[in-house]
């Protein structure tokens, strides 16, 4: 059974969307994307990409 992730890393999000990693990091920095922070790792919520 395939498991659906709640959030994706910046690298996974870049592969999934085609948006560059640096652009995603800037959007996170500017608080334009909903994120989960686990230690130093930033995870972008997947529900945001479903609405695009």
PDB file of N, CA and C in Angstrom:
ATOM      1  N   UNK A   1       0.846  -1.187   0.000  1.00  0.00           N
ATOM      2  CA  UNK A   1       0.000   0.000   0.000  1.00  0.00           C
ATOM      3  C   UNK A   1       0.889   1.247   0.000  1.00  0.00           C
ATOM      4  N   UNK A   2       0.569   2.211  -0.827  1.00  0.00           N
ATOM      5  CA  UNK A   2       1.351   3.437  -0.934  1.00  0.00           C
ATOM      6  C   UNK A   2       0.971   4.377   0.198  1.00  0.00           C
ATOM      7  N   UNK A   3       1.999   4.931   0.817  1.00  0.00           N
ATOM      8  CA  UNK A   3       1.790   5.849   1.922  1.00  0.00           C
ATOM      9  C   UNK A   3       1.867   7.285   1.422  1.00  0.00           C
ATOM     10  N   UNK A   4       0.923   8.123   1.808  1.00  0.00           N
ATOM     11  CA  UNK A   4       0.911   9.523   1.400  1.00  0.00           C
ATOM     12  C   UNK A   4       1.592  10.355   2.471  1.00  0.00           C
ATOM     13  N   UNK A   5       2.583  11.131   2.084  1.00  0.00           N
ATOM     14  CA  UNK A   5       3.298  11.987   3.029  1.00  0.00           C
ATOM     15  C   UNK A   5       2.492  13.251   3.293  1.00  0.00           C
ATOM     16  N   UNK A   6       2.554  13.714   4.517  1.00  0.00           N
ATOM     17  CA  UNK A   6       1.872  14.951   4.901  1.00  0.00           C
ATOM     18  C   UNK A   6       2.671  16.157   4.440  1.00  0.00           C
ATOM     19  N   UNK A   7       3.996  16.035   4.495  1.00  0.00           N
ATOM     20  CA  UNK A   7       4.864  17.147   4.122  1.00  0.00           C
ATOM     21  C   UNK A   7       6.062  16.614   3.342  1.00  0.00           C
ATOM     22  N   UNK A   8       6.622  17.482   2.499  1.00  0.00           N
ATOM     23  CA  UNK A   8       7.768  17.113   1.677  1.00  0.00           C
ATOM     24  C   UNK A   8       8.950  18.020   2.013  1.00  0.00           C
ATOM     25  N   UNK A   9      10.155  17.482   1.881  1.00  0.00           N
ATOM     26  CA  UNK A   9      11.342  18.302   2.061  1.00  0.00           C
ATOM     27  C   UNK A   9      11.446  19.270   0.884  1.00  0.00           C
ATOM     28  N   UNK A  10      12.349  20.212   0.980  1.00  0.00           N
ATOM     29  CA  UNK A  10      12.519  21.175  -0.099  1.00  0.00           C
ATOM     30  C   UNK A  10      12.947  20.467  -1.381  1.00  0.00           C
ATOM     31  N   UNK A  11      13.836  19.485  -1.270  1.00  0.00           N
ATOM     32  CA  UNK A  11      14.298  18.745  -2.439  1.00  0.00           C
ATOM     33  C   UNK A  11      13.157  17.950  -3.085  1.00  0.00           C
ATOM     34  N   UNK A  12      12.340  17.293  -2.256  1.00  0.00           N
ATOM     35  CA  UNK A  12      11.202  16.535  -2.778  1.00  0.00           C
ATOM     36  C   UNK A  12      10.174  17.460  -3.425  1.00  0.00           C
ATOM     37  N   UNK A  13       9.944  18.614  -2.813  1.00  0.00           N
ATOM     38  CA  UNK A  13       8.993  19.572  -3.362  1.00  0.00           C
ATOM     39  C   UNK A  13       9.485  20.117  -4.698  1.00  0.00           C
ATOM     40  N   UNK A  14      10.788  20.364  -4.805  1.00  0.00           N
ATOM     41  CA  UNK A  14      11.366  20.851  -6.056  1.00  0.00           C
ATOM     42  C   UNK A  14      11.169  19.822  -7.166  1.00  0.00           C
ATOM     43  N   UNK A  15      11.385  18.550  -6.869  1.00  0.00           N
ATOM     44  CA  UNK A  15      11.172  17.495  -7.860  1.00  0.00           C
ATOM     45  C   UNK A  15       9.698  17.370  -8.230  1.00  0.00           C
ATOM     46  N   UNK A  16       8.823  17.498  -7.245  1.00  0.00           N
ATOM     47  CA  UNK A  16       7.379  17.324  -7.443  1.00  0.00           C
ATOM     48  C   UNK A  16       6.771  18.456  -8.264  1.00  0.00           C
ATOM     49  N   UNK A  17       7.243  19.697  -8.024  1.00  0.00           N
ATOM     50  CA  UNK A  17       6.608  20.858  -8.636  1.00  0.00           C
ATOM     51  C   UNK A  17       7.376  21.460  -9.806  1.00  0.00           C
ATOM     52  N   UNK A  18       8.679  21.227  -9.852  1.00  0.00           N
ATOM     53  CA  UNK A  18       9.491  21.853 -10.884  1.00  0.00           C
ATOM     54  C   UNK A  18       9.974  23.239 -10.502  1.00  0.00           C
ATOM     55  N   UNK A  19       9.644  23.694  -9.308  1.00  0.00           N
ATOM     56  CA  UNK A  19      10.107  24.984  -8.793  1.00  0.00           C
ATOM     57  C   UNK A  19      11.498  24.760  -8.209  1.00  0.00           C
ATOM     58  N   UNK A  20      12.403  25.694  -8.418  1.00  0.00           N
ATOM     59  CA  UNK A  20      13.774  25.555  -7.946  1.00  0.00           C
ATOM     60  C   UNK A  20      13.903  25.531  -6.430  1.00  0.00           C
ATOM     61  N   UNK A  21      14.938  24.868  -5.945  1.00  0.00           N
ATOM     62  CA  UNK A  21      15.174  24.771  -4.498  1.00  0.00           C
ATOM     63  C   UNK A  21      15.430  26.135  -3.873  1.00  0.00           C
ATOM     64  N   UNK A  22      16.200  26.989  -4.549  1.00  0.00           N
ATOM     65  CA  UNK A  22      16.474  28.317  -4.001  1.00  0.00           C
ATOM     66  C   UNK A  22      15.205  29.156  -3.922  1.00  0.00           C
ATOM     67  N   UNK A  23      14.346  29.038  -4.922  1.00  0.00           N
ATOM     68  CA  UNK A  23      13.060  29.757  -4.905  1.00  0.00           C
ATOM     69  C   UNK A  23      12.205  29.277  -3.747  1.00  0.00           C
ATOM     70  N   UNK A  24      12.159  27.958  -3.537  1.00  0.00           N
ATOM     71  CA  UNK A  24      11.376  27.420  -2.413  1.00  0.00           C
ATOM     72  C   UNK A  24      11.934  27.902  -1.079  1.00  0.00           C
ATOM     73  N   UNK A  25      13.251  27.935  -0.949  1.00  0.00           N
ATOM     74  CA  UNK A  25      13.862  28.424   0.307  1.00  0.00           C
ATOM     75  C   UNK A  25      13.507  29.889   0.557  1.00  0.00           C
ATOM     76  N   UNK A  26      13.496  30.699  -0.499  1.00  0.00           N
ATOM     77  CA  UNK A  26      13.110  32.114  -0.353  1.00  0.00           C
ATOM     78  C   UNK A  26      11.636  32.236   0.046  1.00  0.00           C
ATOM     79  N   UNK A  27      10.763  31.439  -0.563  1.00  0.00           N
ATOM     80  CA  UNK A  27       9.339  31.476  -0.211  1.00  0.00           C
ATOM     81  C   UNK A  27       9.121  31.071   1.247  1.00  0.00           C
ATOM     82  N   UNK A  28       9.882  30.096   1.725  1.00  0.00           N
ATOM     83  CA  UNK A  28       9.800  29.693   3.131  1.00  0.00           C
ATOM     84  C   UNK A  28      10.293  30.831   4.017  1.00  0.00           C
ATOM     85  N   UNK A  29      11.395  31.445   3.623  1.00  0.00           N
ATOM     86  CA  UNK A  29      11.971  32.558   4.388  1.00  0.00           C
ATOM     87  C   UNK A  29      10.995  33.725   4.490  1.00  0.00           C
ATOM     88  N   UNK A  30      10.246  33.984   3.413  1.00  0.00           N
ATOM     89  CA  UNK A  30       9.286  35.081   3.376  1.00  0.00           C
ATOM     90  C   UNK A  30       7.926  34.679   3.941  1.00  0.00           C
ATOM     91  N   UNK A  31       7.813  33.471   4.500  1.00  0.00           N
ATOM     92  CA  UNK A  31       6.565  32.967   5.098  1.00  0.00           C
ATOM     93  C   UNK A  31       5.420  32.891   4.090  1.00  0.00           C
ATOM     94  N   UNK A  32       5.719  32.544   2.851  1.00  0.00           N
ATOM     95  CA  UNK A  32       4.703  32.410   1.810  1.00  0.00           C
ATOM     96  C   UNK A  32       4.214  30.970   1.666  1.00  0.00           C
ATOM     97  N   UNK A  33       4.903  30.013   2.294  1.00  0.00           N
ATOM     98  CA  UNK A  33       4.525  28.608   2.229  1.00  0.00           C
ATOM     99  C   UNK A  33       4.276  28.075   3.637  1.00  0.00           C
ATOM    100  N   UNK A  34       3.261  27.219   3.811  1.00  0.00           N
ATOM    101  CA  UNK A  34       3.038  26.607   5.122  1.00  0.00           C
ATOM    102  C   UNK A  34       4.087  25.523   5.361  1.00  0.00           C
ATOM    103  N   UNK A  35       4.815  25.627   6.454  1.00  0.00           N
ATOM    104  CA  UNK A  35       5.906  24.689   6.712  1.00  0.00           C
ATOM    105  C   UNK A  35       5.801  24.076   8.105  1.00  0.00           C
ATOM    106  N   UNK A  36       6.452  22.943   8.237  1.00  0.00           N
ATOM    107  CA  UNK A  36       6.674  22.296   9.528  1.00  0.00           C
ATOM    108  C   UNK A  36       8.181  22.288   9.729  1.00  0.00           C
ATOM    109  N   UNK A  37       8.652  22.699  10.890  1.00  0.00           N
ATOM    110  CA  UNK A  37      10.084  22.680  11.154  1.00  0.00           C
ATOM    111  C   UNK A  37      10.369  21.593  12.182  1.00  0.00           C
ATOM    112  N   UNK A  38      11.245  20.675  11.793  1.00  0.00           N
ATOM    113  CA  UNK A  38      11.661  19.579  12.660  1.00  0.00           C
ATOM    114  C   UNK A  38      13.166  19.719  12.824  1.00  0.00           C
ATOM    115  N   UNK A  39      13.579  20.319  13.945  1.00  0.00           N
ATOM    116  CA  UNK A  39      14.997  20.613  14.110  1.00  0.00           C
ATOM    117  C   UNK A  39      15.419  21.623  13.062  1.00  0.00           C
ATOM    118  N   UNK A  40      16.448  21.267  12.273  1.00  0.00           N
ATOM    119  CA  UNK A  40      16.907  22.142  11.195  1.00  0.00           C
ATOM    120  C   UNK A  40      16.191  21.868   9.881  1.00  0.00           C
ATOM    121  N   UNK A  41      15.466  20.776   9.822  1.00  0.00           N
ATOM    122  CA  UNK A  41      14.812  20.377   8.574  1.00  0.00           C
ATOM    123  C   UNK A  41      13.498  21.126   8.396  1.00  0.00           C
ATOM    124  N   UNK A  42      13.289  21.621   7.185  1.00  0.00           N
ATOM    125  CA  UNK A  42      12.059  22.342   6.843  1.00  0.00           C
ATOM    126  C   UNK A  42      11.237  21.442   5.937  1.00  0.00           C
ATOM    127  N   UNK A  43       9.983  21.199   6.317  1.00  0.00           N
ATOM    128  CA  UNK A  43       9.074  20.379   5.525  1.00  0.00           C
ATOM    129  C   UNK A  43       7.903  21.242   5.077  1.00  0.00           C
ATOM    130  N   UNK A  44       7.621  21.203   3.786  1.00  0.00           N
ATOM    131  CA  UNK A  44       6.533  21.994   3.222  1.00  0.00           C
ATOM    132  C   UNK A  44       5.276  21.132   3.189  1.00  0.00           C
ATOM    133  N   UNK A  45       4.191  21.651   3.740  1.00  0.00           N
ATOM    134  CA  UNK A  45       2.944  20.892   3.799  1.00  0.00           C
ATOM    135  C   UNK A  45       2.437  20.573   2.404  1.00  0.00           C
ATOM    136  N   UNK A  46       2.049  19.339   2.191  1.00  0.00           N
ATOM    137  CA  UNK A  46       1.624  18.881   0.881  1.00  0.00           C
ATOM    138  C   UNK A  46       0.248  19.414   0.487  1.00  0.00           C
ATOM    139  N   UNK A  47      -0.608  19.720   1.443  1.00  0.00           N
ATOM    140  CA  UNK A  47      -1.949  20.212   1.144  1.00  0.00           C
ATOM    141  C   UNK A  47      -1.914  21.509   0.356  1.00  0.00           C
ATOM    142  N   UNK A  48      -0.850  22.282   0.533  1.00  0.00           N
ATOM    143  CA  UNK A  48      -0.709  23.543  -0.203  1.00  0.00           C
ATOM    144  C   UNK A  48      -0.601  23.285  -1.698  1.00  0.00           C
ATOM    145  N   UNK A  49       0.119  22.236  -2.119  1.00  0.00           N
ATOM    146  CA  UNK A  49       0.345  21.964  -3.527  1.00  0.00           C
ATOM    147  C   UNK A  49      -0.876  21.356  -4.203  1.00  0.00           C
ATOM    148  N   UNK A  50      -1.772  20.765  -3.450  1.00  0.00           N
ATOM    149  CA  UNK A  50      -2.988  20.189  -4.040  1.00  0.00           C
ATOM    150  C   UNK A  50      -3.922  21.269  -4.560  1.00  0.00           C
ATOM    151  N   UNK A  51      -3.877  22.451  -3.963  1.00  0.00           N
ATOM    152  CA  UNK A  51      -4.801  23.500  -4.359  1.00  0.00           C
ATOM    153  C   UNK A  51      -4.323  24.270  -5.597  1.00  0.00           C
ATOM    154  N   UNK A  52      -3.103  24.027  -6.049  1.00  0.00           N
ATOM    155  CA  UNK A  52      -2.588  24.744  -7.233  1.00  0.00           C
ATOM    156  C   UNK A  52      -3.080  24.143  -8.507  1.00  0.00           C
TER     157      UNK A  52
END
